[in-house]
Amino acid sequence: MEKKKPERTCIVCRKKSDKSNFIKMVKNKDGQIQIEKEKKLDGRGAYICGSPECITKCIKTRALNKIFKCSVGDNVYEELNGESR
């Protein structure tokens, strides 16, 4: 029996897929928000599918502010903009 892979949902387009297909954003216990490249950090996570359209919409609507319930700095959105595939 094959082990089921974890599925995640994009916070922008609501598309579901294997978690390896997403960019993961993490808010750690100190309130710092960063892109998680290793997928090993602890904290509140949010997933974005990585399409240029979703990243642009996430930046335009400041979606991470709503998800993490805090003000997310421009530097985080700029870093996310550099991650588009």
PDB file of N, CA and C in Angstrom:
ATOM      1  N   MET A   1       0.840  -1.190   0.000  1.00  0.00           N
ATOM      2  CA  MET A   1       0.000   0.000   0.000  1.00  0.00           C
ATOM      3  C   MET A   1       0.882   1.251   0.000  1.00  0.00           C
ATOM      4  N   GLU A   2       0.614   2.148  -0.936  1.00  0.00           N
ATOM      5  CA  GLU A   2       1.414   3.355  -1.070  1.00  0.00           C
ATOM      6  C   GLU A   2       1.005   4.395  -0.037  1.00  0.00           C
ATOM      7  N   LYS A   3       2.003   5.051   0.560  1.00  0.00           N
ATOM      8  CA  LYS A   3       1.735   6.083   1.555  1.00  0.00           C
ATOM      9  C   LYS A   3       1.167   7.331   0.877  1.00  0.00           C
ATOM     10  N   LYS A   4       0.115   7.891   1.455  1.00  0.00           N
ATOM     11  CA  LYS A   4      -0.532   9.069   0.887  1.00  0.00           C
ATOM     12  C   LYS A   4       0.348  10.305   1.123  1.00  0.00           C
ATOM     13  N   LYS A   5       0.538  11.091   0.061  1.00  0.00           N
ATOM     14  CA  LYS A   5       1.345  12.308   0.174  1.00  0.00           C
ATOM     15  C   LYS A   5       0.480  13.443   0.723  1.00  0.00           C
ATOM     16  N   PRO A   6       1.073  14.295   1.568  1.00  0.00           N
ATOM     17  CA  PRO A   6       0.301  15.401   2.130  1.00  0.00           C
ATOM     18  C   PRO A   6      -0.121  16.401   1.054  1.00  0.00           C
ATOM     19  N   GLU A   7      -1.380  16.812   1.087  1.00  0.00           N
ATOM     20  CA  GLU A   7      -1.920  17.786   0.148  1.00  0.00           C
ATOM     21  C   GLU A   7      -2.068  19.135   0.842  1.00  0.00           C
ATOM     22  N   ARG A   8      -1.793  20.199   0.124  1.00  0.00           N
ATOM     23  CA  ARG A   8      -1.946  21.551   0.652  1.00  0.00           C
ATOM     24  C   ARG A   8      -2.782  22.368  -0.326  1.00  0.00           C
ATOM     25  N   THR A   9      -3.266  23.541   0.137  1.00  0.00           N
ATOM     26  CA  THR A   9      -4.104  24.413  -0.669  1.00  0.00           C
ATOM     27  C   THR A   9      -3.439  25.779  -0.808  1.00  0.00           C
ATOM     28  N   CYS A  10      -3.407  26.291  -2.024  1.00  0.00           N
ATOM     29  CA  CYS A  10      -2.861  27.623  -2.285  1.00  0.00           C
ATOM     30  C   CYS A  10      -3.767  28.662  -1.626  1.00  0.00           C
ATOM     31  N   ILE A  11      -3.175  29.627  -0.921  1.00  0.00           N
ATOM     32  CA  ILE A  11      -3.973  30.651  -0.232  1.00  0.00           C
ATOM     33  C   ILE A  11      -4.586  31.647  -1.206  1.00  0.00           C
ATOM     34  N   VAL A  12      -4.128  31.655  -2.449  1.00  0.00           N
ATOM     35  CA  VAL A  12      -4.628  32.618  -3.432  1.00  0.00           C
ATOM     36  C   VAL A  12      -5.693  32.000  -4.336  1.00  0.00           C
ATOM     37  N   CYS A  13      -5.348  30.910  -5.042  1.00  0.00           N
ATOM     38  CA  CYS A  13      -6.273  30.336  -6.024  1.00  0.00           C
ATOM     39  C   CYS A  13      -7.061  29.142  -5.480  1.00  0.00           C
ATOM     40  N   ARG A  14      -6.715  28.685  -4.283  1.00  0.00           N
ATOM     41  CA  ARG A  14      -7.384  27.566  -3.603  1.00  0.00           C
ATOM     42  C   ARG A  14      -7.166  26.214  -4.289  1.00  0.00           C
ATOM     43  N   LYS A  15      -6.185  26.136  -5.196  1.00  0.00           N
ATOM     44  CA  LYS A  15      -5.866  24.875  -5.866  1.00  0.00           C
ATOM     45  C   LYS A  15      -5.194  23.936  -4.865  1.00  0.00           C
ATOM     46  N   LYS A  16      -5.583  22.652  -4.893  1.00  0.00           N
ATOM     47  CA  LYS A  16      -4.982  21.647  -4.017  1.00  0.00           C
ATOM     48  C   LYS A  16      -3.970  20.833  -4.801  1.00  0.00           C
ATOM     49  N   SER A  17      -2.864  20.516  -4.145  1.00  0.00           N
ATOM     50  CA  SER A  17      -1.828  19.719  -4.782  1.00  0.00           C
ATOM     51  C   SER A  17      -0.891  19.173  -3.710  1.00  0.00           C
ATOM     52  N   ASP A  18       0.049  18.357  -4.147  1.00  0.00           N
ATOM     53  CA  ASP A  18       1.085  17.838  -3.266  1.00  0.00           C
ATOM     54  C   ASP A  18       1.892  19.016  -2.702  1.00  0.00           C
ATOM     55  N   LYS A  19       2.266  18.939  -1.439  1.00  0.00           N
ATOM     56  CA  LYS A  19       2.919  20.090  -0.813  1.00  0.00           C
ATOM     57  C   LYS A  19       4.267  20.437  -1.437  1.00  0.00           C
ATOM     58  N   SER A  20       4.876  19.500  -2.146  1.00  0.00           N
ATOM     59  CA  SER A  20       6.163  19.784  -2.787  1.00  0.00           C
ATOM     60  C   SER A  20       6.015  20.742  -3.974  1.00  0.00           C
ATOM     61  N   ASN A  21       4.783  20.975  -4.433  1.00  0.00           N
ATOM     62  CA  ASN A  21       4.535  21.870  -5.566  1.00  0.00           C
ATOM     63  C   ASN A  21       4.304  23.323  -5.141  1.00  0.00           C
ATOM     64  N   PHE A  22       4.421  23.606  -3.852  1.00  0.00           N
ATOM     65  CA  PHE A  22       4.110  24.938  -3.339  1.00  0.00           C
ATOM     66  C   PHE A  22       5.325  25.647  -2.761  1.00  0.00           C
ATOM     67  N   ILE A  23       5.213  26.962  -2.687  1.00  0.00           N
ATOM     68  CA  ILE A  23       6.156  27.781  -1.935  1.00  0.00           C
ATOM     69  C   ILE A  23       5.546  27.916  -0.545  1.00  0.00           C
ATOM     70  N   LYS A  24       6.324  27.608   0.487  1.00  0.00           N
ATOM     71  CA  LYS A  24       5.804  27.676   1.857  1.00  0.00           C
ATOM     72  C   LYS A  24       6.337  28.919   2.543  1.00  0.00           C
ATOM     73  N   MET A  25       5.413  29.671   3.118  1.00  0.00           N
ATOM     74  CA  MET A  25       5.755  30.838   3.933  1.00  0.00           C
ATOM     75  C   MET A  25       5.522  30.442   5.393  1.00  0.00           C
ATOM     76  N   VAL A  26       6.415  30.866   6.285  1.00  0.00           N
ATOM     77  CA  VAL A  26       6.308  30.483   7.688  1.00  0.00           C
ATOM     78  C   VAL A  26       6.428  31.706   8.588  1.00  0.00           C
ATOM     79  N   LYS A  27       5.536  31.763   9.580  1.00  0.00           N
ATOM     80  CA  LYS A  27       5.634  32.766  10.648  1.00  0.00           C
ATOM     81  C   LYS A  27       6.078  32.007  11.890  1.00  0.00           C
ATOM     82  N   ASN A  28       7.290  32.310  12.377  1.00  0.00           N
ATOM     83  CA  ASN A  28       7.797  31.580  13.532  1.00  0.00           C
ATOM     84  C   ASN A  28       7.299  32.188  14.842  1.00  0.00           C
ATOM     85  N   LYS A  29       7.687  31.606  15.951  1.00  0.00           N
ATOM     86  CA  LYS A  29       7.183  32.046  17.256  1.00  0.00           C
ATOM     87  C   LYS A  29       7.620  33.465  17.614  1.00  0.00           C
ATOM     88  N   ASP A  30       8.672  33.970  16.956  1.00  0.00           N
ATOM     89  CA  ASP A  30       9.127  35.343  17.185  1.00  0.00           C
ATOM     90  C   ASP A  30       8.401  36.340  16.290  1.00  0.00           C
ATOM     91  N   GLY A  31       7.510  35.857  15.433  1.00  0.00           N
ATOM     92  CA  GLY A  31       6.741  36.727  14.548  1.00  0.00           C
ATOM     93  C   GLY A  31       7.429  37.032  13.227  1.00  0.00           C
ATOM     94  N   GLN A  32       8.573  36.418  12.970  1.00  0.00           N
ATOM     95  CA  GLN A  32       9.276  36.641  11.711  1.00  0.00           C
ATOM     96  C   GLN A  32       8.640  35.784  10.621  1.00  0.00           C
ATOM     97  N   ILE A  33       8.493  36.379   9.440  1.00  0.00           N
ATOM     98  CA  ILE A  33       7.895  35.671   8.308  1.00  0.00           C
ATOM     99  C   ILE A  33       8.956  35.514   7.237  1.00  0.00           C
ATOM    100  N   GLN A  34       9.070  34.276   6.737  1.00  0.00           N
ATOM    101  CA  GLN A  34      10.089  34.018   5.723  1.00  0.00           C
ATOM    102  C   GLN A  34       9.651  32.894   4.796  1.00  0.00           C
ATOM    103  N   ILE A  35      10.309  32.846   3.642  1.00  0.00           N
ATOM    104  CA  ILE A  35      10.075  31.748   2.712  1.00  0.00           C
ATOM    105  C   ILE A  35      10.869  30.559   3.229  1.00  0.00           C
ATOM    106  N   GLU A  36      10.212  29.434   3.297  1.00  0.00           N
ATOM    107  CA  GLU A  36      10.876  28.235   3.796  1.00  0.00           C
ATOM    108  C   GLU A  36      11.309  27.373   2.625  1.00  0.00           C
ATOM    109  N   LYS A  37      12.602  27.263   2.452  1.00  0.00           N
ATOM    110  CA  LYS A  37      13.135  26.498   1.330  1.00  0.00           C
ATOM    111  C   LYS A  37      13.317  25.027   1.689  1.00  0.00           C
ATOM    112  N   GLU A  38      13.659  24.734   2.924  1.00  0.00           N
ATOM    113  CA  GLU A  38      13.945  23.361   3.350  1.00  0.00           C
ATOM    114  C   GLU A  38      12.692  22.602   3.794  1.00  0.00           C
ATOM    115  N   LYS A  39      11.599  23.318   4.028  1.00  0.00           N
ATOM    116  CA  LYS A  39      10.340  22.733   4.515  1.00  0.00           C
ATOM    117  C   LYS A  39      10.537  22.001   5.842  1.00  0.00           C
ATOM    118  N   LYS A  40      11.350  22.594   6.731  1.00  0.00           N
ATOM    119  CA  LYS A  40      11.639  21.989   8.027  1.00  0.00           C
ATOM    120  C   LYS A  40      11.360  22.933   9.205  1.00  0.00           C
ATOM    121  N   LEU A  41      11.086  24.194   8.932  1.00  0.00           N
ATOM    122  CA  LEU A  41      10.903  25.162  10.013  1.00  0.00           C
ATOM    123  C   LEU A  41       9.576  24.966  10.730  1.00  0.00           C
ATOM    124  N   ASP A  42       9.585  25.245  12.029  1.00  0.00           N
ATOM    125  CA  ASP A  42       8.359  25.212  12.815  1.00  0.00           C
ATOM    126  C   ASP A  42       7.654  26.553  12.710  1.00  0.00           C
ATOM    127  N   GLY A  43       6.353  26.527  12.883  1.00  0.00           N
ATOM    128  CA  GLY A  43       5.576  27.758  12.887  1.00  0.00           C
ATOM    129  C   GLY A  43       4.349  27.635  12.014  1.00  0.00           C
ATOM    130  N   ARG A  44       3.604  28.714  11.953  1.00  0.00           N
ATOM    131  CA  ARG A  44       2.380  28.774  11.148  1.00  0.00           C
ATOM    132  C   ARG A  44       2.767  28.852   9.694  1.00  0.00           C
ATOM    133  N   GLY A  45       2.230  27.970   8.871  1.00  0.00           N
ATOM    134  CA  GLY A  45       2.583  27.933   7.463  1.00  0.00           C
ATOM    135  C   GLY A  45       1.457  28.372   6.552  1.00  0.00           C
ATOM    136  N   ALA A  46       1.836  28.901   5.403  1.00  0.00           N
ATOM    137  CA  ALA A  46       0.897  29.259   4.341  1.00  0.00           C
ATOM    138  C   ALA A  46       1.544  28.842   3.026  1.00  0.00           C
ATOM    139  N   TYR A  47       0.744  28.311   2.124  1.00  0.00           N
ATOM    140  CA  TYR A  47       1.274  27.779   0.871  1.00  0.00           C
ATOM    141  C   TYR A  47       0.753  28.575  -0.321  1.00  0.00           C
ATOM    142  N   ILE A  48       1.663  28.843  -1.273  1.00  0.00           N
ATOM    143  CA  ILE A  48       1.322  29.544  -2.504  1.00  0.00           C
ATOM    144  C   ILE A  48       1.825  28.672  -3.652  1.00  0.00           C
ATOM    145  N   CYS A  49       0.984  28.471  -4.666  1.00  0.00           N
ATOM    146  CA  CYS A  49       1.322  27.501  -5.711  1.00  0.00           C
ATOM    147  C   CYS A  49       2.521  27.900  -6.568  1.00  0.00           C
ATOM    148  N   GLY A  50       2.922  29.134  -6.576  1.00  0.00           N
ATOM    149  CA  GLY A  50       4.132  29.520  -7.289  1.00  0.00           C
ATOM    150  C   GLY A  50       3.922  30.017  -8.699  1.00  0.00           C
ATOM    151  N   SER A  51       2.683  29.996  -9.187  1.00  0.00           N
ATOM    152  CA  SER A  51       2.448  30.538 -10.530  1.00  0.00           C
ATOM    153  C   SER A  51       2.607  32.064 -10.454  1.00  0.00           C
ATOM    154  N   PRO A  52       3.104  32.671 -11.524  1.00  0.00           N
ATOM    155  CA  PRO A  52       3.274  34.131 -11.513  1.00  0.00           C
ATOM    156  C   PRO A  52       1.970  34.873 -11.197  1.00  0.00           C
ATOM    157  N   GLU A  53       0.837  34.329 -11.661  1.00  0.00           N
ATOM    158  CA  GLU A  53      -0.454  34.977 -11.407  1.00  0.00           C
ATOM    159  C   GLU A  53      -0.782  34.980  -9.909  1.00  0.00           C
ATOM    160  N   CYS A  54      -0.558  33.846  -9.242  1.00  0.00           N
ATOM    161  CA  CYS A  54      -0.862  33.758  -7.806  1.00  0.00           C
ATOM    162  C   CYS A  54       0.076  34.629  -6.974  1.00  0.00           C
ATOM    163  N   ILE A  55       1.343  34.647  -7.344  1.00  0.00           N
ATOM    164  CA  ILE A  55       2.297  35.477  -6.607  1.00  0.00           C
ATOM    165  C   ILE A  55       1.955  36.948  -6.774  1.00  0.00           C
ATOM    166  N   THR A  56       1.629  37.361  -8.001  1.00  0.00           N
ATOM    167  CA  THR A  56       1.246  38.758  -8.249  1.00  0.00           C
ATOM    168  C   THR A  56      -0.002  39.125  -7.458  1.00  0.00           C
ATOM    169  N   LYS A  57      -0.997  38.248  -7.460  1.00  0.00           N
ATOM    170  CA  LYS A  57      -2.235  38.518  -6.726  1.00  0.00           C
ATOM    171  C   LYS A  57      -1.988  38.550  -5.219  1.00  0.00           C
ATOM    172  N   CYS A  58      -1.128  37.665  -4.724  1.00  0.00           N
ATOM    173  CA  CYS A  58      -0.792  37.638  -3.303  1.00  0.00           C
ATOM    174  C   CYS A  58      -0.155  38.966  -2.882  1.00  0.00           C
ATOM    175  N   ILE A  59       0.746  39.476  -3.709  1.00  0.00           N
ATOM    176  CA  ILE A  59       1.418  40.740  -3.409  1.00  0.00           C
ATOM    177  C   ILE A  59       0.430  41.899  -3.504  1.00  0.00           C
ATOM    178  N   LYS A  60      -0.383  41.910  -4.558  1.00  0.00           N
ATOM    179  CA  LYS A  60      -1.335  43.003  -4.778  1.00  0.00           C
ATOM    180  C   LYS A  60      -2.374  43.091  -3.662  1.00  0.00           C
ATOM    181  N   THR A  61      -2.885  41.935  -3.226  1.00  0.00           N
ATOM    182  CA  THR A  61      -3.931  41.934  -2.190  1.00  0.00           C
ATOM    183  C   THR A  61      -3.369  41.852  -0.778  1.00  0.00           C
ATOM    184  N   ARG A  62      -2.016  41.721  -0.679  1.00  0.00           N
ATOM    185  CA  ARG A  62      -1.347  41.598   0.629  1.00  0.00           C
ATOM    186  C   ARG A  62      -1.959  40.428   1.419  1.00  0.00           C
ATOM    187  N   ALA A  63      -2.149  39.299   0.733  1.00  0.00           N
ATOM    188  CA  ALA A  63      -2.821  38.127   1.304  1.00  0.00           C
ATOM    189  C   ALA A  63      -2.131  37.581   2.557  1.00  0.00           C
ATOM    190  N   LEU A  64      -0.814  37.702   2.637  1.00  0.00           N
ATOM    191  CA  LEU A  64      -0.112  37.183   3.812  1.00  0.00           C
ATOM    192  C   LEU A  64      -0.497  37.936   5.084  1.00  0.00           C
ATOM    193  N   ASN A  65      -0.847  39.220   4.955  1.00  0.00           N
ATOM    194  CA  ASN A  65      -1.296  39.992   6.127  1.00  0.00           C
ATOM    195  C   ASN A  65      -2.530  39.348   6.738  1.00  0.00           C
ATOM    196  N   LYS A  66      -3.454  38.933   5.895  1.00  0.00           N
ATOM    197  CA  LYS A  66      -4.696  38.324   6.377  1.00  0.00           C
ATOM    198  C   LYS A  66      -4.443  36.935   6.961  1.00  0.00           C
ATOM    199  N   ILE A  67      -3.644  36.142   6.269  1.00  0.00           N
ATOM    200  CA  ILE A  67      -3.378  34.772   6.709  1.00  0.00           C
ATOM    201  C   ILE A  67      -2.649  34.750   8.053  1.00  0.00           C
ATOM    202  N   PHE A  68      -1.623  35.593   8.185  1.00  0.00           N
ATOM    203  CA  PHE A  68      -0.826  35.594   9.415  1.00  0.00           C
ATOM    204  C   PHE A  68      -1.340  36.572  10.473  1.00  0.00           C
ATOM    205  N   LYS A  69      -2.391  37.325  10.146  1.00  0.00           N
ATOM    206  CA  LYS A  69      -3.030  38.264  11.085  1.00  0.00           C
ATOM    207  C   LYS A  69      -2.030  39.252  11.677  1.00  0.00           C
ATOM    208  N   CYS A  70      -1.190  39.806  10.793  1.00  0.00           N
ATOM    209  CA  CYS A  70      -0.228  40.830  11.200  1.00  0.00           C
ATOM    210  C   CYS A  70       0.207  41.599   9.949  1.00  0.00           C
ATOM    211  N   SER A  71       0.957  42.654  10.165  1.00  0.00           N
ATOM    212  CA  SER A  71       1.468  43.432   9.047  1.00  0.00           C
ATOM    213  C   SER A  71       2.761  42.774   8.543  1.00  0.00           C
ATOM    214  N   VAL A  72       2.756  42.368   7.289  1.00  0.00           N
ATOM    215  CA  VAL A  72       3.914  41.707   6.690  1.00  0.00           C
ATOM    216  C   VAL A  72       4.714  42.756   5.931  1.00  0.00           C
ATOM    217  N   GLY A  73       6.016  42.786   6.173  1.00  0.00           N
ATOM    218  CA  GLY A  73       6.891  43.789   5.567  1.00  0.00           C
ATOM    219  C   GLY A  73       7.026  43.654   4.063  1.00  0.00           C
ATOM    220  N   ASP A  74       7.316  44.768   3.416  1.00  0.00           N
ATOM    221  CA  ASP A  74       7.511  44.779   1.963  1.00  0.00           C
ATOM    222  C   ASP A  74       8.645  43.847   1.536  1.00  0.00           C
ATOM    223  N   ASN A  75       9.662  43.691   2.397  1.00  0.00           N
ATOM    224  CA  ASN A  75      10.797  42.837   2.045  1.00  0.00           C
ATOM    225  C   ASN A  75      10.362  41.379   1.839  1.00  0.00           C
ATOM    226  N   VAL A  76       9.364  40.920   2.602  1.00  0.00           N
ATOM    227  CA  VAL A  76       8.857  39.550   2.445  1.00  0.00           C
ATOM    228  C   VAL A  76       8.169  39.418   1.090  1.00  0.00           C
ATOM    229  N   TYR A  77       7.347  40.408   0.730  1.00  0.00           N
ATOM    230  CA  TYR A  77       6.661  40.368  -0.569  1.00  0.00           C
ATOM    231  C   TYR A  77       7.661  40.471  -1.725  1.00  0.00           C
ATOM    232  N   GLU A  78       8.727  41.261  -1.544  1.00  0.00           N
ATOM    233  CA  GLU A  78       9.747  41.378  -2.587  1.00  0.00           C
ATOM    234  C   GLU A  78      10.480  40.047  -2.771  1.00  0.00           C
ATOM    235  N   GLU A  79      10.770  39.382  -1.657  1.00  0.00           N
ATOM    236  CA  GLU A  79      11.427  38.073  -1.732  1.00  0.00           C
ATOM    237  C   GLU A  79      10.507  37.053  -2.418  1.00  0.00           C
ATOM    238  N   LEU A  80       9.217  37.103  -2.083  1.00  0.00           N
ATOM    239  CA  LEU A  80       8.249  36.215  -2.701  1.00  0.00           C
ATOM    240  C   LEU A  80       8.163  36.467  -4.206  1.00  0.00           C
ATOM    241  N   ASN A  81       8.218  37.725  -4.603  1.00  0.00           N
ATOM    242  CA  ASN A  81       8.173  38.087  -6.028  1.00  0.00           C
ATOM    243  C   ASN A  81       9.329  37.444  -6.792  1.00  0.00           C
ATOM    244  N   GLY A  82      10.468  37.288  -6.152  1.00  0.00           N
ATOM    245  CA  GLY A  82      11.624  36.665  -6.783  1.00  0.00           C
ATOM    246  C   GLY A  82      11.496  35.151  -6.919  1.00  0.00           C
ATOM    247  N   GLU A  83      10.496  34.557  -6.300  1.00  0.00           N
ATOM    248  CA  GLU A  83      10.310  33.106  -6.315  1.00  0.00           C
ATOM    249  C   GLU A  83       9.429  32.602  -7.449  1.00  0.00           C
ATOM    250  N   SER A  84       8.821  33.491  -8.233  1.00  0.00           N
ATOM    251  CA  SER A  84       7.888  33.039  -9.271  1.00  0.00           C
ATOM    252  C   SER A  84       8.589  32.129 -10.264  1.00  0.00           C
ATOM    253  N   ARG A  85       7.853  31.128 -10.716  1.00  0.00           N
ATOM    254  CA  ARG A  85       8.430  30.096 -11.605  1.00  0.00           C
ATOM    255  C   ARG A  85       8.209  30.425 -13.048  1.00  0.00           C
TER     256      ARG A  85
END
